[in-house]
Amino acid sequence: MIWQCSQFAYDSRIPIIMGILNVTPDSFSDGGEHASLDDAVAHARQMVEEGALIIDVGGESTRPGAAPVSENEELNRVLPVVKALVAEGMCVSIDTRHAMVARACVDAGAAIINDVSGFRDPAMVEVAASCNAGLVVMHMQGEPATMQDNPTYDDVVFDVRDWLRERCAALEAAGIARNRLCIDPGPGFGKTVSQTIELMRNLHEIVRLGYPVMAAPSRKSYVGHVYGIPEPAERDTASAAEALLACELGASVVRTHNVAVTAAALKDLRPYALLGLGGNVALVANPGEEREGKIAVLNKAIGDLCMMPDTLMIDIAPFYESEPAYYEDQEPFINTVVLLRTGLPPQELLKCCQAIENSLGRVRSIPNGPRTCDIDILDYQGYVSDLEHLKLPHPRILERDFVVKPLMDILPNHVLANGAAVTLDAVQVGAAKRL
């Protein structure tokens, strides 16, 4: 996916670092440090040198319990900084929930509007619709002054996910292109520590919406709670670890106070791999329970995949029942797709997958014939291969309904390592129905 931000375009498969530049006297961890224009510009230059692609300029503190400032005061703080950074060719984001401030900064060259209130203000939607800036749509329950009073959810992950889906749908209905949108679940904004932890540990559910996702754990209170660090300014290393985990779960943009520490942590980000699993032979054949038996085999394979070294299971698509493909005189299949982050190179990953197949009684006597479990490497990030024993991306991936549908469930708008987009357009075989 490309996140289009005015004249800047970012490939969201590679982490994008957004450096935080607060020009406020009262931000929770760095208030007053960059209040002068010279200090602000110098710090922005430093963050760019350290690896930031975007500088996020904020002139109003939105920490819990923060008092609002007037729009004129906010604009007086941020506009000179925005103009100076734009003049140096930087991609500038304006962190504001006020339409007047956003309009003035976009007119001055800001390429992104980062609205912590999620574009709930119709005037802010009008500004967004009238320009070509990228947008960060953040979830926040309530307002900064009151958001921590008693945040309540039925299910914080699904409630935030559904709210973000609805807000993006409303923005698209207002004429804003989908590729301009980035979503932020808003850790710590109208959420308790435990709610925030639950949300950030299930970030893949937000990724399933198909937009670039921002991770903004930097110096947040939940980081202090998890790692036992009471002082916000001392949380940078822990925040970077949280950013790395968020990117492994699928986040595309990392908003951070300490760019250097974050950039160093993100060097440990493992490539993703997509695996397709399928089978139509149950290990235990109880009459009337064939489907359950097939699912049990795949679940055993998924458990074994979780035990591979240097590998983290990120997401699992729903199960699908599909018609046989190629060799049609056999029982229906059960299929799914899983998403991994792995340090195993592709050929080592293939050996592990084949070992799991063999342990589950895989028989290869008939090409495309009955089998307990088949595990195909569908796509491996940044890797294209034409080896006889390992062709990547998988050469038949786009023609198989039983692969494309579950893959799109977990990674909408996915683009393979060879540049091909995953869509239903080329599907020819293996009609699949979600269970």
Protein backbone atom coordinates (compact mmCIF):
# COMPACT_ATOMS: atom_id res chain seq x y z
CA MET A 1 0.00 0.00 0.00
CA ILE A 2 1.11 3.53 -0.75
CA TRP A 3 0.23 6.21 1.76
CA GLN A 4 -0.14 9.38 -0.31
CA CYS A 5 0.62 12.59 1.59
CA SER A 6 0.50 15.51 -0.82
CA GLN A 7 3.67 15.19 -2.92
CA PHE A 8 5.13 12.51 -0.61
CA ALA A 9 4.35 8.82 -1.16
CA TYR A 10 5.30 6.13 1.37
CA ASP A 11 5.40 2.36 0.91
CA SER A 12 3.60 1.14 4.00
CA ARG A 13 5.27 -2.29 3.86
CA ILE A 14 8.39 -0.60 5.26
CA PRO A 15 8.20 1.18 8.66
CA ILE A 16 7.90 4.95 8.33
CA ILE A 17 9.27 6.92 11.28
CA MET A 18 7.45 10.10 12.30
CA GLY A 19 9.45 12.25 14.70
CA ILE A 20 7.52 14.19 17.36
CA LEU A 21 8.20 17.91 17.57
CA ASN A 22 6.19 19.50 20.37
CA VAL A 23 6.37 23.28 20.46
CA THR A 24 4.33 23.46 23.65
CA PRO A 25 5.26 24.47 27.19
CA ASP A 26 3.25 21.65 28.79
CA SER A 27 3.59 18.39 26.83
CA PHE A 28 3.83 15.41 29.18
CA SER A 29 7.50 14.51 28.57
CA ASP A 30 9.18 17.30 26.61
CA GLY A 31 7.21 20.46 27.32
CA GLY A 32 9.21 23.61 26.62
CA GLU A 33 12.26 21.86 25.18
CA HIS A 34 11.68 23.09 21.62
CA ALA A 35 9.62 26.22 22.19
CA SER A 36 11.85 28.61 20.21
CA LEU A 37 11.91 28.49 16.42
CA ASP A 38 15.66 27.86 16.28
CA ASP A 39 15.46 25.01 18.80
CA ALA A 40 12.50 23.45 16.99
CA VAL A 41 14.19 23.54 13.57
CA ALA A 42 17.44 22.19 14.98
CA HIS A 43 15.65 19.28 16.61
CA ALA A 44 13.72 18.52 13.40
CA ARG A 45 16.98 18.42 11.44
CA GLN A 46 18.45 16.05 14.00
CA MET A 47 15.46 13.71 13.77
CA VAL A 48 15.68 13.64 9.97
CA GLU A 49 19.37 12.79 10.18
CA GLU A 50 18.50 9.96 12.57
CA GLY A 51 15.94 8.46 10.21
CA ALA A 52 12.63 10.31 10.49
CA LEU A 53 10.78 10.69 7.20
CA ILE A 54 8.03 12.85 8.73
CA ILE A 55 8.12 15.58 11.37
CA ASP A 56 4.90 15.89 13.40
CA VAL A 57 4.52 19.42 14.75
CA GLY A 58 2.17 19.95 17.68
CA GLY A 59 1.18 23.15 19.45
CA GLU A 60 -1.43 21.91 21.93
CA SER A 61 -0.79 19.33 24.61
CA THR A 62 -3.32 16.49 24.51
CA ARG A 63 -2.01 14.66 27.56
CA PRO A 64 -4.74 13.39 29.93
CA GLY A 65 -6.34 16.32 31.74
CA ALA A 66 -4.69 18.94 29.55
CA ALA A 67 -6.43 22.30 29.30
CA PRO A 68 -7.19 23.46 25.75
CA VAL A 69 -5.41 26.46 24.24
CA SER A 70 -6.96 28.98 21.88
CA GLU A 71 -6.67 28.31 18.17
CA ASN A 72 -4.76 31.56 17.69
CA GLU A 73 -2.23 30.63 20.36
CA GLU A 74 -1.79 27.16 18.84
CA LEU A 75 -1.33 28.65 15.38
CA ASN A 76 1.22 31.17 16.64
CA ARG A 77 3.26 28.30 18.05
CA VAL A 78 3.19 25.97 15.04
CA LEU A 79 2.93 28.03 11.86
CA PRO A 80 6.46 29.53 11.88
CA VAL A 81 7.89 26.06 12.52
CA VAL A 82 5.83 24.47 9.75
CA LYS A 83 6.94 27.12 7.27
CA ALA A 84 10.59 26.75 8.21
CA LEU A 85 10.58 22.95 7.92
CA VAL A 86 8.67 22.97 4.63
CA ALA A 87 11.23 25.41 3.26
CA GLU A 88 13.90 22.79 4.00
CA GLY A 89 11.99 20.14 2.04
CA MET A 90 10.75 18.14 5.01
CA CYS A 91 7.47 16.24 5.05
CA VAL A 92 5.60 18.04 7.81
CA SER A 93 2.60 16.73 9.71
CA ILE A 94 0.45 19.10 11.73
CA ASP A 95 -0.83 17.56 14.95
CA THR A 96 -4.06 19.44 15.60
CA ARG A 97 -7.76 18.96 16.19
CA HIS A 98 -8.67 22.46 15.01
CA ALA A 99 -9.73 23.13 11.42
CA MET A 100 -8.39 26.69 11.34
CA VAL A 101 -4.93 25.52 12.39
CA ALA A 102 -4.99 22.63 9.94
CA ARG A 103 -6.03 24.89 7.07
CA ALA A 104 -3.29 27.44 7.71
CA CYS A 105 -0.61 24.76 8.02
CA VAL A 106 -1.69 22.90 4.89
CA ASP A 107 -1.68 26.19 3.00
CA ALA A 108 1.88 26.68 4.30
CA GLY A 109 2.92 23.30 2.89
CA ALA A 110 2.16 20.71 5.59
CA ALA A 111 1.63 17.34 3.89
CA ILE A 112 -0.24 15.53 6.69
CA ILE A 113 -3.05 16.38 9.13
CA ASN A 114 -2.82 14.31 12.32
CA ASP A 115 -6.13 14.75 14.15
CA VAL A 116 -6.35 13.13 17.59
CA SER A 117 -10.12 13.62 17.54
CA GLY A 118 -10.48 11.50 14.42
CA PHE A 119 -11.96 14.16 12.11
CA ARG A 120 -15.20 14.28 14.09
CA ASP A 121 -15.46 18.04 13.44
CA PRO A 122 -17.27 18.68 10.12
CA ALA A 123 -15.05 21.72 9.60
CA MET A 124 -11.98 19.51 9.78
CA VAL A 125 -13.53 17.14 7.24
CA GLU A 126 -14.03 20.12 4.93
CA VAL A 127 -10.35 21.03 5.24
CA ALA A 128 -9.35 17.45 4.53
CA ALA A 129 -11.62 17.20 1.49
CA SER A 130 -10.30 20.45 0.03
CA CYS A 131 -6.63 19.46 0.02
CA ASN A 132 -4.45 16.47 -0.86
CA ALA A 133 -2.73 16.01 2.50
CA GLY A 134 -2.40 12.60 4.10
CA LEU A 135 -4.63 12.09 7.12
CA VAL A 136 -4.03 10.32 10.42
CA VAL A 137 -7.40 9.31 11.85
CA MET A 138 -7.00 8.62 15.56
CA HIS A 139 -9.44 7.05 18.00
CA MET A 140 -10.06 8.92 21.23
CA GLN A 141 -12.97 8.37 23.58
CA GLY A 142 -14.04 11.78 24.87
CA GLU A 143 -11.81 14.87 24.97
CA PRO A 144 -8.26 15.30 26.36
CA ALA A 145 -9.50 17.03 29.51
CA THR A 146 -11.93 14.21 30.40
CA MET A 147 -10.89 11.15 28.37
CA GLN A 148 -9.40 9.25 31.33
CA ASP A 149 -12.31 9.83 33.70
CA ASN A 150 -13.99 6.45 33.05
CA PRO A 151 -13.21 4.96 29.65
CA THR A 152 -15.60 2.08 28.97
CA TYR A 153 -15.82 -0.43 26.14
CA ASP A 154 -17.71 -3.62 25.40
CA ASP A 155 -14.55 -4.93 23.70
CA VAL A 156 -11.82 -2.35 23.31
CA VAL A 157 -10.21 -3.98 20.26
CA PHE A 158 -13.40 -4.43 18.26
CA ASP A 159 -14.96 -1.15 19.44
CA VAL A 160 -11.90 0.84 18.33
CA ARG A 161 -11.65 -1.14 15.09
CA ASP A 162 -15.29 -0.53 14.21
CA TRP A 163 -15.09 3.17 15.08
CA LEU A 164 -12.05 3.62 12.84
CA ARG A 165 -13.78 1.74 10.03
CA GLU A 166 -16.81 4.03 10.29
CA ARG A 167 -14.75 7.22 10.42
CA CYS A 168 -12.74 6.21 7.35
CA ALA A 169 -15.92 5.30 5.50
CA ALA A 170 -17.32 8.74 6.30
CA LEU A 171 -14.15 10.44 5.07
CA GLU A 172 -14.17 8.42 1.86
CA ALA A 173 -17.84 9.32 1.39
CA ALA A 174 -16.77 12.97 1.67
CA GLY A 175 -14.54 12.47 -1.38
CA ILE A 176 -11.22 11.71 0.33
CA ALA A 177 -9.16 9.05 -1.45
CA ARG A 178 -8.57 5.85 0.52
CA ASN A 179 -4.81 5.98 -0.13
CA ARG A 180 -4.57 9.23 1.86
CA LEU A 181 -5.79 7.61 5.08
CA CYS A 182 -3.74 6.21 7.96
CA ILE A 183 -5.40 5.01 11.17
CA ASP A 184 -4.19 5.25 14.76
CA PRO A 185 -5.91 3.24 17.54
CA GLY A 186 -4.89 5.95 20.02
CA PRO A 187 -3.05 4.16 22.85
CA GLY A 188 -3.71 5.97 26.10
CA PHE A 189 -6.37 8.27 24.66
CA GLY A 190 -9.60 7.49 26.46
CA LYS A 191 -8.30 4.07 27.48
CA THR A 192 -7.03 2.59 30.72
CA VAL A 193 -3.61 0.99 30.88
CA SER A 194 -5.09 -2.50 30.62
CA GLN A 195 -7.34 -1.48 27.72
CA THR A 196 -4.37 0.02 25.90
CA ILE A 197 -2.25 -3.10 26.41
CA GLU A 198 -5.06 -5.30 25.08
CA LEU A 199 -5.45 -3.03 22.07
CA MET A 200 -1.75 -2.87 21.22
CA ARG A 201 -1.27 -6.63 21.62
CA ASN A 202 -4.07 -7.18 19.09
CA LEU A 203 -3.01 -4.57 16.57
CA HIS A 204 -3.36 -7.10 13.73
CA GLU A 205 -7.15 -6.71 14.09
CA ILE A 206 -6.76 -3.03 13.19
CA VAL A 207 -4.43 -3.92 10.30
CA ARG A 208 -7.21 -6.07 8.84
CA LEU A 209 -9.09 -2.87 7.95
CA GLY A 210 -6.64 -2.42 5.08
CA TYR A 211 -5.24 1.05 5.89
CA PRO A 212 -1.72 1.92 7.00
CA VAL A 213 -1.69 1.76 10.80
CA MET A 214 0.19 4.12 13.08
CA ALA A 215 1.86 2.91 16.26
CA ALA A 216 2.31 5.66 18.84
CA PRO A 217 3.52 4.04 22.07
CA SER A 218 6.25 6.60 22.67
CA ARG A 219 6.62 7.37 26.39
CA LYS A 220 2.97 6.47 27.04
CA SER A 221 1.82 5.49 30.52
CA TYR A 222 1.09 1.91 29.48
CA VAL A 223 4.76 1.54 28.50
CA GLY A 224 5.75 2.77 31.94
CA HIS A 225 3.37 0.27 33.51
CA VAL A 226 4.51 -2.74 31.45
CA TYR A 227 8.23 -2.05 31.88
CA GLY A 228 8.16 -0.49 35.34
CA ILE A 229 9.45 2.95 34.28
CA PRO A 230 7.64 5.80 36.07
CA GLU A 231 9.50 8.69 34.41
CA PRO A 232 8.20 9.34 30.84
CA ALA A 233 11.53 10.65 29.51
CA GLU A 234 13.23 7.39 30.52
CA ARG A 235 10.89 5.17 28.47
CA ASP A 236 12.54 5.55 25.06
CA THR A 237 14.17 2.11 24.87
CA ALA A 238 10.98 0.42 26.08
CA SER A 239 8.93 2.52 23.67
CA ALA A 240 11.17 1.39 20.82
CA ALA A 241 10.61 -2.24 21.81
CA GLU A 242 6.87 -1.61 21.71
CA ALA A 243 7.25 0.03 18.29
CA LEU A 244 9.09 -3.02 16.98
CA LEU A 245 6.36 -5.33 18.26
CA ALA A 246 3.70 -3.10 16.70
CA CYS A 247 5.47 -3.24 13.33
CA GLU A 248 5.73 -7.02 13.57
CA LEU A 249 1.95 -7.02 14.07
CA GLY A 250 1.58 -4.91 10.94
CA ALA A 251 1.90 -1.24 11.87
CA SER A 252 3.32 0.95 9.09
CA VAL A 253 4.04 4.29 10.76
CA VAL A 254 5.84 4.79 14.08
CA ARG A 255 5.41 8.08 15.91
CA THR A 256 8.27 8.59 18.34
CA HIS A 257 10.09 11.11 20.51
CA ASN A 258 13.47 9.39 20.15
CA VAL A 259 14.12 8.66 16.49
CA ALA A 260 17.63 7.25 16.89
CA VAL A 261 16.65 4.62 19.47
CA THR A 262 13.53 3.69 17.49
CA ALA A 263 15.39 3.40 14.19
CA ALA A 264 17.94 1.11 15.83
CA ALA A 265 15.21 -1.14 17.24
CA LEU A 266 13.41 -1.39 13.91
CA LYS A 267 16.52 -2.90 12.31
CA ASP A 268 15.46 -6.11 14.08
CA LEU A 269 12.12 -6.21 12.25
CA ARG A 270 11.78 -9.65 10.67
CA PRO A 271 10.33 -10.10 7.17
CA TYR A 272 6.79 -11.36 6.87
CA ALA A 273 5.83 -14.63 5.22
CA LEU A 274 2.38 -15.76 4.12
CA LEU A 275 1.67 -19.48 4.21
CA GLY A 276 -1.28 -21.30 2.70
CA LEU A 277 -2.54 -24.39 4.55
CA GLY A 278 -4.95 -26.95 3.15
CA GLY A 279 -6.02 -30.56 3.57
CA ASN A 280 -8.87 -32.96 2.88
CA VAL A 281 -7.87 -36.07 4.84
CA ALA A 282 -8.74 -36.26 8.53
CA LEU A 283 -6.41 -38.21 10.80
CA VAL A 284 -9.43 -39.53 12.73
CA ALA A 285 -12.28 -40.53 10.45
CA ASN A 286 -15.45 -40.44 12.52
CA PRO A 287 -18.60 -40.60 10.38
CA GLY A 288 -20.20 -37.18 10.14
CA GLU A 289 -17.15 -35.41 11.59
CA GLU A 290 -14.92 -35.25 8.53
CA ARG A 291 -14.90 -31.45 8.43
CA GLU A 292 -13.97 -31.20 12.10
CA GLY A 293 -11.21 -33.75 11.57
CA LYS A 294 -9.73 -31.77 8.68
CA ILE A 295 -9.81 -28.59 10.75
CA ALA A 296 -8.09 -30.41 13.63
CA VAL A 297 -5.20 -31.35 11.35
CA LEU A 298 -4.74 -27.74 10.22
CA ASN A 299 -4.89 -26.53 13.81
CA LYS A 300 -2.16 -29.00 14.70
CA ALA A 301 -0.07 -27.67 11.81
CA ILE A 302 -0.62 -24.09 12.98
CA GLY A 303 0.52 -25.07 16.46
CA ASP A 304 3.65 -26.64 15.02
CA LEU A 305 4.36 -23.52 12.95
CA CYS A 306 4.26 -21.51 16.18
CA MET A 307 7.13 -23.67 17.47
CA MET A 308 9.51 -22.85 14.62
CA PRO A 309 12.64 -20.96 15.73
CA ASP A 310 12.85 -17.18 15.41
CA THR A 311 9.24 -17.02 14.24
CA LEU A 312 6.13 -15.23 15.52
CA MET A 313 2.61 -16.09 14.38
CA ILE A 314 0.87 -12.79 13.63
CA ASP A 315 -2.54 -13.64 12.21
CA ILE A 316 -4.66 -16.56 11.06
CA ALA A 317 -7.43 -16.22 8.49
CA PRO A 318 -10.81 -17.91 8.96
CA PHE A 319 -11.18 -21.44 7.64
CA TYR A 320 -12.67 -21.96 4.19
CA GLU A 321 -14.15 -25.08 2.63
CA SER A 322 -13.18 -25.33 -1.02
CA GLU A 323 -13.76 -27.43 -4.07
CA PRO A 324 -10.78 -29.56 -5.20
CA ALA A 325 -8.55 -27.91 -7.76
CA TYR A 326 -6.69 -29.53 -10.67
CA TYR A 327 -7.33 -33.14 -9.50
CA GLU A 328 -11.07 -32.91 -8.94
CA ASP A 329 -12.09 -36.47 -8.01
CA GLN A 330 -11.58 -36.12 -4.27
CA GLU A 331 -13.12 -34.75 -1.09
CA PRO A 332 -13.54 -30.99 -0.41
CA PHE A 333 -10.64 -29.22 1.24
CA ILE A 334 -10.35 -27.02 4.31
CA ASN A 335 -8.00 -24.07 3.78
CA THR A 336 -6.61 -21.05 5.58
CA VAL A 337 -3.73 -18.58 5.31
CA VAL A 338 -1.39 -17.58 8.14
CA LEU A 339 0.87 -14.56 8.47
CA LEU A 340 4.26 -14.95 10.16
CA ARG A 341 7.23 -12.80 11.02
CA THR A 342 10.30 -14.96 10.73
CA GLY A 343 14.06 -14.80 10.81
CA LEU A 344 14.23 -18.06 8.85
CA PRO A 345 15.39 -17.58 5.26
CA PRO A 346 12.91 -18.88 2.66
CA GLN A 347 14.63 -22.22 2.01
CA GLU A 348 14.94 -22.96 5.73
CA LEU A 349 11.29 -22.02 6.17
CA LEU A 350 10.39 -24.45 3.38
CA LYS A 351 12.26 -27.28 5.14
CA CYS A 352 10.38 -26.57 8.38
CA CYS A 353 7.03 -26.56 6.56
CA GLN A 354 7.81 -29.85 4.83
CA ALA A 355 8.84 -31.41 8.13
CA ILE A 356 5.47 -30.43 9.62
CA GLU A 357 3.66 -31.85 6.59
CA ASN A 358 5.54 -35.13 6.94
CA SER A 359 4.82 -35.34 10.67
CA LEU A 360 1.12 -35.13 9.84
CA GLY A 361 1.28 -37.99 7.34
CA ARG A 362 1.49 -36.03 4.10
CA VAL A 363 1.45 -38.38 1.09
CA ARG A 364 2.61 -37.14 -2.32
CA SER A 365 1.66 -40.08 -4.55
CA ILE A 366 -0.85 -38.09 -6.69
CA PRO A 367 -0.03 -34.52 -7.77
CA ASN A 368 -2.65 -32.18 -6.22
CA GLY A 369 -4.32 -35.28 -4.78
CA PRO A 370 -5.66 -36.06 -1.30
CA ARG A 371 -3.48 -34.99 1.60
CA THR A 372 -3.65 -34.47 5.34
CA CYS A 373 -1.88 -31.13 5.21
CA ASP A 374 -0.21 -29.06 2.54
CA ILE A 375 1.76 -25.95 3.55
CA ASP A 376 2.75 -23.60 0.74
CA ILE A 377 4.90 -20.49 1.10
CA LEU A 378 2.77 -17.97 -0.75
CA ASP A 379 4.83 -14.81 -0.36
CA TYR A 380 8.00 -13.82 1.47
CA GLN A 381 8.70 -10.13 1.95
CA GLY A 382 11.26 -8.78 -0.50
CA TYR A 383 12.06 -12.21 -1.95
CA VAL A 384 11.46 -13.33 -5.53
CA SER A 385 12.71 -16.78 -6.60
CA ASP A 386 12.52 -18.98 -9.67
CA LEU A 387 14.24 -22.01 -8.13
CA GLU A 388 12.77 -25.32 -9.23
CA HIS A 389 11.94 -26.34 -5.66
CA LEU A 390 10.87 -22.89 -4.44
CA LYS A 391 9.18 -20.38 -6.71
CA LEU A 392 8.18 -17.17 -4.95
CA PRO A 393 5.72 -15.64 -4.91
CA HIS A 394 3.84 -18.89 -5.39
CA PRO A 395 3.11 -19.05 -9.15
CA ARG A 396 -0.52 -20.18 -8.70
CA ILE A 397 -1.48 -17.95 -5.80
CA LEU A 398 -3.70 -15.53 -7.73
CA GLU A 399 -5.73 -18.20 -9.56
CA ARG A 400 -6.80 -20.01 -6.37
CA ASP A 401 -9.99 -18.85 -4.71
CA PHE A 402 -9.14 -20.82 -1.55
CA VAL A 403 -5.93 -18.79 -1.18
CA VAL A 404 -7.00 -15.34 -2.31
CA LYS A 405 -10.09 -15.07 -0.10
CA PRO A 406 -8.44 -15.93 3.24
CA LEU A 407 -5.36 -13.88 2.35
CA MET A 408 -7.52 -10.84 1.70
CA ASP A 409 -9.26 -11.38 5.06
CA ILE A 410 -6.05 -10.67 6.94
CA LEU A 411 -4.19 -8.42 4.47
CA PRO A 412 -6.57 -6.43 2.28
CA ASN A 413 -4.84 -4.67 -0.64
CA HIS A 414 -1.75 -6.87 -0.30
CA VAL A 415 0.93 -6.58 -2.96
CA LEU A 416 3.20 -9.57 -3.52
CA ALA A 417 6.98 -9.34 -3.54
CA ASN A 418 6.94 -9.29 -7.36
CA GLY A 419 4.61 -6.28 -7.41
CA ALA A 420 1.39 -8.14 -8.26
CA ALA A 421 -1.71 -7.03 -6.36
CA VAL A 422 -3.80 -9.74 -4.69
CA THR A 423 -7.36 -9.52 -6.02
CA LEU A 424 -10.17 -11.87 -6.99
CA ASP A 425 -9.88 -10.87 -10.65
CA ALA A 426 -7.74 -13.83 -11.80
CA VAL A 427 -9.36 -16.56 -9.68
CA GLN A 428 -10.09 -19.71 -11.70
CA VAL A 429 -10.09 -22.77 -9.43
CA GLY A 430 -11.02 -24.00 -5.98
CA ALA A 431 -14.22 -22.12 -5.24
CA ALA A 432 -14.15 -21.45 -1.50
CA LYS A 433 -16.79 -20.69 1.12
CA ARG A 434 -15.94 -19.21 4.51
CA LEU A 435 -16.92 -21.42 7.44
